[in-house]
C-alpha atoms as a PDB file:
ATOM      1  CA  MET A   1      76.696-140.575  44.861  1.00  0.00           C
ATOM      2  CA  THR A   2      80.155-141.871  44.023  1.00  0.00           C
ATOM      3  CA  THR A   3      83.113-141.238  46.308  1.00  0.00           C
ATOM      4  CA  SER A   4      84.630-138.939  43.689  1.00  0.00           C
ATOM      5  CA  SER A   5      81.413-136.923  43.360  1.00  0.00           C
ATOM      6  CA  ARG A   6      81.049-136.693  47.135  1.00  0.00           C
ATOM      7  CA  LYS A   7      84.613-135.406  47.493  1.00  0.00           C
ATOM      8  CA  THR A   8      84.076-132.863  44.709  1.00  0.00           C
ATOM      9  CA  PHE A   9      80.866-131.655  46.330  1.00  0.00           C
ATOM     10  CA  LEU A  10      82.581-131.402  49.715  1.00  0.00           C
ATOM     11  CA  LYS A  11      85.400-129.317  48.179  1.00  0.00           C
ATOM     12  CA  GLU A  12      82.778-127.057  46.615  1.00  0.00           C
ATOM     13  CA  ILE A  13      81.143-126.587  50.011  1.00  0.00           C
ATOM     14  CA  GLU A  14      84.468-125.937  51.743  1.00  0.00           C
ATOM     15  CA  ARG A  15      85.393-123.244  49.174  1.00  0.00           C
ATOM     16  CA  PHE A  16      81.956-121.659  49.577  1.00  0.00           C
ATOM     17  CA  ARG A  17      82.267-121.698  53.379  1.00  0.00           C
ATOM     18  CA  SER A  18      85.702-120.138  53.165  1.00  0.00           C
ATOM     19  CA  ARG A  19      84.540-117.355  50.829  1.00  0.00           C
ATOM     20  CA  HIS A  20      81.624-116.494  53.094  1.00  0.00           C
ATOM     21  CA  ILE A  21      83.363-117.131  56.436  1.00  0.00           C
ATOM     22  CA  MET A  22      80.701-119.639  57.433  1.00  0.00           C
ATOM     23  CA  SER A  23      81.082-122.464  59.931  1.00  0.00           C
ATOM     24  CA  ALA A  24      80.244-126.022  58.951  1.00  0.00           C
ATOM     25  CA  THR A  25      77.363-125.996  61.429  1.00  0.00           C
ATOM     26  CA  MET A  26      75.912-122.760  60.028  1.00  0.00           C
ATOM     27  CA  PHE A  27      76.205-124.063  56.461  1.00  0.00           C
ATOM     28  CA  GLY A  28      74.396-127.262  57.402  1.00  0.00           C
ATOM     29  CA  ARG A  29      71.605-125.389  59.149  1.00  0.00           C
ATOM     30  CA  LYS A  30      71.149-122.887  56.342  1.00  0.00           C
ATOM     31  CA  PHE A  31      71.442-125.124  53.308  1.00  0.00           C
ATOM     32  CA  ALA A  32      70.591-128.651  54.424  1.00  0.00           C
ATOM     33  CA  LYS A  33      68.457-128.050  57.527  1.00  0.00           C
ATOM     34  CA  SER A  34      70.944-130.191  59.443  1.00  0.00           C
ATOM     35  CA  PRO A  35      73.700-128.712  61.599  1.00  0.00           C
ATOM     36  CA  THR A  36      75.775-131.876  61.136  1.00  0.00           C
ATOM     37  CA  PHE A  37      75.453-132.040  57.335  1.00  0.00           C
ATOM     38  CA  VAL A  38      79.064-131.046  56.531  1.00  0.00           C
ATOM     39  CA  PHE A  39      80.486-133.256  59.297  1.00  0.00           C
ATOM     40  CA  ASP A  40      78.394-136.189  58.054  1.00  0.00           C
ATOM     41  CA  LEU A  41      79.473-135.564  54.460  1.00  0.00           C
ATOM     42  CA  ARG A  42      83.128-135.588  55.531  1.00  0.00           C
ATOM     43  CA  LYS A  43      82.900-139.008  57.170  1.00  0.00           C
ATOM     44  CA  SER A  44      80.108-140.793  55.294  1.00  0.00           C
ATOM     45  CA  PRO A  45      81.012-142.995  52.344  1.00  0.00           C
ATOM     46  CA  LYS A  46      77.549-142.546  50.813  1.00  0.00           C
ATOM     47  CA  GLY A  47      76.836-138.830  50.730  1.00  0.00           C
ATOM     48  CA  PRO A  48      73.553-137.057  49.972  1.00  0.00           C
ATOM     49  CA  THR A  49      71.124-137.854  47.189  1.00  0.00           C
ATOM     50  CA  LEU A  50      71.534-136.090  43.857  1.00  0.00           C
ATOM     51  CA  ASP A  51      68.289-134.211  44.520  1.00  0.00           C
ATOM     52  CA  SER A  52      69.744-132.905  47.777  1.00  0.00           C
ATOM     53  CA  VAL A  53      72.965-131.879  46.040  1.00  0.00           C
ATOM     54  CA  ASP A  54      70.972-129.982  43.389  1.00  0.00           C
ATOM     55  CA  LYS A  55      68.889-128.176  46.016  1.00  0.00           C
ATOM     56  CA  ILE A  56      71.940-127.201  48.033  1.00  0.00           C
ATOM     57  CA  ARG A  57      73.818-125.955  44.954  1.00  0.00           C
ATOM     58  CA  LYS A  58      70.824-123.855  43.920  1.00  0.00           C
ATOM     59  CA  ALA A  59      70.588-122.379  47.412  1.00  0.00           C
ATOM     60  CA  MET A  60      74.317-121.610  47.376  1.00  0.00           C
ATOM     61  CA  ARG A  61      74.011-119.799  44.024  1.00  0.00           C
ATOM     62  CA  LYS A  62      71.027-117.826  45.306  1.00  0.00           C
ATOM     63  CA  PHE A  63      72.945-116.869  48.449  1.00  0.00           C
ATOM     64  CA  GLU A  64      75.865-115.596  46.348  1.00  0.00           C
ATOM     65  CA  ARG A  65      73.590-113.612  44.023  1.00  0.00           C
ATOM     66  CA  GLU A  66      71.916-111.948  46.995  1.00  0.00           C
ATOM     67  CA  LYS A  67      75.299-111.113  48.560  1.00  0.00           C
ATOM     68  CA  GLN A  68      76.270-109.254  45.368  1.00  0.00           C
ATOM     69  CA  LEU A  69      73.330-106.855  45.638  1.00  0.00           C
END
């Protein structure tokens, strides 16, 4: 994952967390099975794999659809 892509993904996560009033730890537990996921993403130059990004984005979309019901 490029630095630009990682930063874009992190911004996406931060907007999602803000909309749903969710802590970084809770997001990590719920969507990445790692309570430190967001903290690691903030400081790591590498970032997650593209497969992980796809899975997390799908889970985020599902969460938002279910919240609308």
